Amino acid sequence: MFKKIWNWLLELFFPSNLKCIFCGRDIPDPKVCYCEDCAETLKFNVGQRCKVCDDLVSADSEVCENCKSHHKSFEKAVAPLVYQDAVRGVVLKLKNSNARYLAEPMARMMFERLQKENFDFDLLVPIPLSPKSLSKRKFNQAKLLADELGRLCNKPVDSTSFVKRKETRHQKELGFLDRQKNLEGAFKIEDRAKILNKNILLVDDVMTTGATANECAKVLKKYANHVFVVTFARNRLTKPANDDFFRKNT
């Protein structure tokens, strides 16, 4: 109770929506969640990107090598930012430091990216955590993002019909195929009626190889029509030659 009162007092006297979520500096417009300095240094997910997974591709390509080699069950994935530096710090702060207030500004950046797409979806579904992981963290960061994004999109969020029923190995050091194998049988649909014939927008914080989103989409599409994916950040498999590439006005 004391912690809740303390957080309320902090928000009252030092509103988080007037601070840059990446560096903590004051921002003049609460509609924009980052300061002018960070706007110059943030790594935005720009340039020629894969039409399936949103990773970097060469100027003469439409699909990345990963998607050419491994079919994806989702139609398309998008992310506004690249998972590096300050972006990585914000994601880890949300997940590991209980900074739940970050979900709202993060969702606004995701919503801005979504508005550039023509995704026709009926329902937002956060990628679920296993019961063990949820018990340890006390919340699912993907659900926090989905709830905020649902309000912005004016679309319903379903976080109970699709679940992760078992713990899996940490995927950080695994490639796409090993990640896919690691996830086999991990997800299931609890209530098919809510998923049936729906177009789904899967929501998560970060995408790397796309294996998790792919496995989720594969399970969901047993009953759903189409599955799209939005994340806050994209962990690029293909790296650009220099940092100037990441500028938003590129």
Protein backbone atom coordinates (compact mmCIF):
# COMPACT_ATOMS: atom_id res chain seq x y z
CA MET A 1 0.00 0.00 0.00
CA PHE A 2 2.85 2.38 0.88
CA LYS A 3 4.48 1.72 -2.50
CA LYS A 4 1.24 2.49 -4.35
CA ILE A 5 0.80 5.76 -2.44
CA TRP A 6 4.43 6.69 -3.08
CA ASN A 7 4.09 6.00 -6.82
CA TRP A 8 0.87 8.05 -6.92
CA LEU A 9 2.61 10.99 -5.23
CA LEU A 10 5.55 10.76 -7.64
CA GLU A 11 3.19 10.79 -10.60
CA LEU A 12 1.26 13.72 -9.14
CA PHE A 13 4.30 15.95 -8.66
CA PHE A 14 6.57 14.53 -11.38
CA PRO A 15 4.28 13.30 -14.20
CA SER A 16 5.97 10.55 -16.23
CA ASN A 17 4.30 11.73 -19.44
CA LEU A 18 6.35 14.94 -19.28
CA LYS A 19 9.65 13.04 -19.28
CA CYS A 20 11.46 11.39 -22.17
CA ILE A 21 11.11 7.64 -21.65
CA PHE A 22 14.63 7.07 -22.98
CA CYS A 23 16.73 9.65 -21.09
CA GLY A 24 14.39 11.21 -18.49
CA ARG A 25 14.71 14.79 -19.75
CA ASP A 26 11.71 17.11 -19.73
CA ILE A 27 9.62 17.16 -22.91
CA PRO A 28 7.35 20.06 -23.89
CA ASP A 29 4.64 17.96 -25.54
CA PRO A 30 3.24 14.93 -23.64
CA LYS A 31 1.94 13.56 -26.95
CA VAL A 32 5.55 12.78 -27.90
CA CYS A 33 7.30 10.44 -25.49
CA TYR A 34 10.90 11.28 -26.38
CA CYS A 35 12.96 14.48 -26.37
CA GLU A 36 14.56 16.24 -29.32
CA ASP A 37 18.02 14.91 -28.47
CA CYS A 38 16.77 11.32 -28.41
CA ALA A 39 14.91 11.92 -31.68
CA GLU A 40 18.35 12.48 -33.21
CA THR A 41 19.99 9.43 -31.68
CA LEU A 42 17.26 6.77 -31.42
CA LYS A 43 17.57 3.84 -33.77
CA PHE A 44 14.31 3.80 -35.73
CA ASN A 45 13.37 0.78 -37.81
CA VAL A 46 13.63 2.53 -41.17
CA GLY A 47 15.02 1.82 -44.63
CA GLN A 48 14.29 -1.07 -46.98
CA ARG A 49 12.69 -3.76 -44.86
CA CYS A 50 11.33 -7.27 -45.33
CA LYS A 51 7.64 -7.19 -46.23
CA VAL A 52 7.05 -10.13 -43.89
CA CYS A 53 9.14 -9.68 -40.73
CA ASP A 54 10.27 -6.01 -40.99
CA ASP A 55 14.00 -6.85 -40.85
CA LEU A 56 16.53 -5.01 -43.01
CA VAL A 57 16.93 -6.16 -46.63
CA SER A 58 19.00 -4.97 -49.57
CA ALA A 59 17.61 -2.34 -51.93
CA ASP A 60 16.75 -4.94 -54.57
CA SER A 61 14.97 -7.37 -52.18
CA GLU A 62 11.47 -7.54 -50.74
CA VAL A 63 11.92 -10.52 -48.41
CA CYS A 64 14.82 -11.28 -46.06
CA GLU A 65 16.82 -14.51 -46.17
CA ASN A 66 15.22 -15.77 -42.96
CA CYS A 67 11.71 -15.47 -44.40
CA LYS A 68 12.80 -16.96 -47.72
CA SER A 69 14.20 -20.00 -45.89
CA HIS A 70 11.50 -20.34 -43.24
CA HIS A 71 7.84 -19.74 -44.04
CA LYS A 72 6.07 -17.52 -41.53
CA SER A 73 2.51 -18.22 -40.42
CA PHE A 74 1.83 -14.55 -39.74
CA GLU A 75 1.02 -12.19 -42.60
CA LYS A 76 3.28 -9.34 -41.55
CA ALA A 77 5.15 -7.99 -38.53
CA VAL A 78 6.08 -4.36 -37.82
CA ALA A 79 8.06 -2.48 -35.16
CA PRO A 80 8.85 1.24 -34.81
CA LEU A 81 12.33 0.85 -33.29
CA VAL A 82 15.47 -1.27 -33.37
CA TYR A 83 16.39 -3.17 -30.20
CA GLN A 84 19.64 -1.40 -29.33
CA ASP A 85 21.02 1.09 -26.81
CA ALA A 86 18.32 3.30 -25.22
CA VAL A 87 15.50 1.25 -26.78
CA ARG A 88 16.86 -1.91 -25.21
CA GLY A 89 17.14 -0.07 -21.88
CA VAL A 90 13.46 0.92 -21.93
CA VAL A 91 12.32 -2.63 -22.73
CA LEU A 92 14.43 -4.10 -19.92
CA LYS A 93 13.22 -1.43 -17.50
CA LEU A 94 9.61 -2.34 -18.25
CA LYS A 95 10.23 -6.05 -17.84
CA ASN A 96 12.74 -6.20 -15.01
CA SER A 97 12.15 -3.05 -12.96
CA ASN A 98 8.36 -3.12 -12.79
CA ALA A 99 8.19 0.18 -14.73
CA ARG A 100 4.64 -0.46 -15.91
CA TYR A 101 4.05 3.22 -16.66
CA LEU A 102 6.28 2.78 -19.73
CA ALA A 103 3.66 0.62 -21.45
CA GLU A 104 1.48 3.60 -22.37
CA PRO A 105 4.12 5.68 -24.22
CA MET A 106 5.60 2.54 -25.78
CA ALA A 107 2.15 1.61 -27.09
CA ARG A 108 1.78 5.09 -28.58
CA MET A 109 4.92 4.56 -30.64
CA MET A 110 3.63 1.15 -31.75
CA PHE A 111 0.29 2.71 -32.67
CA GLU A 112 2.03 5.36 -34.76
CA ARG A 113 3.78 2.57 -36.68
CA LEU A 114 0.53 0.63 -37.09
CA GLN A 115 -1.17 3.64 -38.64
CA LYS A 116 1.20 3.36 -41.58
CA GLU A 117 -0.08 -0.15 -42.31
CA ASN A 118 -3.39 -1.41 -43.59
CA PHE A 119 -3.85 -4.20 -41.05
CA ASP A 120 -7.45 -5.37 -40.87
CA PHE A 121 -7.72 -6.97 -37.41
CA ASP A 122 -10.58 -7.65 -35.01
CA LEU A 123 -8.78 -8.58 -31.83
CA LEU A 124 -5.48 -7.92 -30.04
CA VAL A 125 -3.79 -10.91 -28.41
CA PRO A 126 -0.65 -10.51 -26.28
CA ILE A 127 1.95 -13.24 -26.59
CA PRO A 128 1.47 -15.12 -23.29
CA LEU A 129 3.98 -15.99 -20.59
CA SER A 130 4.17 -19.43 -19.03
CA PRO A 131 2.58 -19.76 -15.57
CA LYS A 132 6.06 -19.97 -14.01
CA SER A 133 7.33 -16.82 -15.75
CA LEU A 134 4.12 -14.93 -14.96
CA SER A 135 4.35 -15.92 -11.29
CA LYS A 136 7.95 -14.73 -11.14
CA ARG A 137 7.43 -11.38 -12.91
CA LYS A 138 3.89 -10.76 -11.59
CA PHE A 139 2.76 -9.29 -14.92
CA ASN A 140 2.99 -9.90 -18.66
CA GLN A 141 4.61 -6.93 -20.40
CA ALA A 142 2.98 -7.94 -23.71
CA LYS A 143 -0.45 -7.71 -22.07
CA LEU A 144 0.32 -4.23 -20.71
CA LEU A 145 1.27 -3.11 -24.22
CA ALA A 146 -1.80 -4.81 -25.74
CA ASP A 147 -4.16 -3.16 -23.25
CA GLU A 148 -2.77 0.30 -24.02
CA LEU A 149 -2.73 -0.37 -27.75
CA GLY A 150 -6.29 -1.69 -27.63
CA ARG A 151 -7.45 1.62 -26.18
CA LEU A 152 -5.67 3.54 -28.92
CA CYS A 153 -7.05 1.28 -31.66
CA ASN A 154 -10.49 1.01 -30.05
CA LYS A 155 -10.28 -2.77 -30.41
CA PRO A 156 -10.86 -5.54 -27.85
CA VAL A 157 -7.98 -7.38 -26.16
CA ASP A 158 -8.15 -11.09 -25.33
CA SER A 159 -5.49 -12.32 -22.92
CA THR A 160 -7.20 -15.49 -21.71
CA SER A 161 -8.13 -17.55 -24.79
CA PHE A 162 -4.54 -18.13 -25.91
CA VAL A 163 -2.05 -19.36 -23.31
CA LYS A 164 1.47 -20.72 -22.89
CA ARG A 165 1.08 -23.98 -21.08
CA LYS A 166 4.70 -24.89 -20.38
CA GLU A 167 8.06 -23.32 -19.62
CA THR A 168 10.61 -23.36 -22.46
CA ARG A 169 14.35 -22.87 -22.64
CA HIS A 170 15.62 -19.31 -22.90
CA GLN A 171 15.84 -18.53 -26.60
CA LYS A 172 18.61 -15.93 -26.60
CA GLU A 173 21.39 -18.20 -27.87
CA LEU A 174 19.21 -20.25 -30.26
CA GLY A 175 18.77 -19.85 -34.01
CA PHE A 176 15.38 -19.82 -35.74
CA LEU A 177 15.01 -23.59 -36.20
CA ASP A 178 16.15 -24.37 -32.64
CA ARG A 179 13.83 -21.68 -31.31
CA GLN A 180 10.97 -23.16 -33.30
CA LYS A 181 11.69 -26.64 -31.98
CA ASN A 182 11.97 -25.28 -28.44
CA LEU A 183 8.47 -23.76 -28.73
CA GLU A 184 6.68 -26.79 -30.19
CA GLY A 185 3.60 -27.58 -28.13
CA ALA A 186 4.16 -24.62 -25.80
CA PHE A 187 1.01 -22.70 -26.76
CA LYS A 188 -2.63 -23.69 -26.85
CA ILE A 189 -6.06 -22.16 -27.38
CA GLU A 190 -8.32 -22.29 -24.33
CA ASP A 191 -11.41 -20.76 -25.93
CA ARG A 192 -11.62 -21.29 -29.68
CA ALA A 193 -14.96 -19.44 -29.97
CA LYS A 194 -13.28 -16.10 -29.25
CA ILE A 195 -10.60 -16.78 -31.89
CA LEU A 196 -12.77 -18.37 -34.56
CA ASN A 197 -12.65 -16.57 -37.93
CA LYS A 198 -11.01 -13.52 -36.34
CA ASN A 199 -8.14 -11.46 -37.71
CA ILE A 200 -5.62 -11.29 -34.87
CA LEU A 201 -2.99 -8.69 -34.00
CA LEU A 202 -0.31 -10.37 -31.88
CA VAL A 203 1.44 -7.99 -29.50
CA ASP A 204 4.90 -8.33 -27.92
CA ASP A 205 7.79 -6.15 -26.78
CA VAL A 206 10.60 -7.43 -29.03
CA MET A 207 10.98 -9.63 -32.11
CA THR A 208 14.30 -11.30 -32.99
CA THR A 209 14.02 -14.24 -35.39
CA GLY A 210 10.22 -14.25 -35.36
CA ALA A 211 10.10 -17.83 -34.10
CA THR A 212 7.82 -17.08 -31.14
CA ALA A 213 5.40 -15.00 -33.22
CA ASN A 214 5.49 -17.68 -35.90
CA GLU A 215 4.64 -20.50 -33.49
CA CYS A 216 1.84 -18.43 -31.94
CA ALA A 217 0.45 -17.57 -35.37
CA LYS A 218 0.60 -21.22 -36.43
CA VAL A 219 -1.49 -22.28 -33.43
CA LEU A 220 -3.93 -19.37 -33.72
CA LYS A 221 -4.53 -19.97 -37.43
CA LYS A 222 -6.07 -23.33 -36.69
CA TYR A 223 -9.17 -21.22 -35.99
CA ALA A 224 -8.32 -17.60 -36.87
CA ASN A 225 -8.24 -16.14 -40.37
CA HIS A 226 -5.17 -13.89 -40.43
CA VAL A 227 -2.48 -13.02 -37.91
CA PHE A 228 -0.46 -9.79 -37.90
CA VAL A 229 2.28 -8.86 -35.42
CA VAL A 230 3.37 -5.61 -33.79
CA THR A 231 6.26 -5.20 -31.37
CA PHE A 232 7.91 -2.18 -29.79
CA ALA A 233 11.33 -3.10 -31.15
CA ARG A 234 12.96 -5.29 -33.78
CA ASN A 235 16.22 -7.07 -32.98
CA ARG A 236 17.73 -6.89 -36.43
CA LEU A 237 19.46 -9.95 -37.86
CA THR A 238 20.92 -7.84 -40.69
CA LYS A 239 23.02 -4.86 -39.64
CA PRO A 240 23.38 -1.60 -41.62
CA ALA A 241 26.80 -0.18 -42.42
CA ASN A 242 26.52 2.89 -40.17
CA ASP A 243 24.35 4.50 -37.50
CA ASP A 244 23.10 7.25 -39.82
CA PHE A 245 20.91 4.59 -41.41
CA PHE A 246 18.63 4.53 -38.35
CA ARG A 247 17.52 8.16 -38.54
CA LYS A 248 13.76 8.53 -38.73
CA ASN A 249 13.90 10.92 -41.69
CA THR A 250 15.90 8.48 -43.78
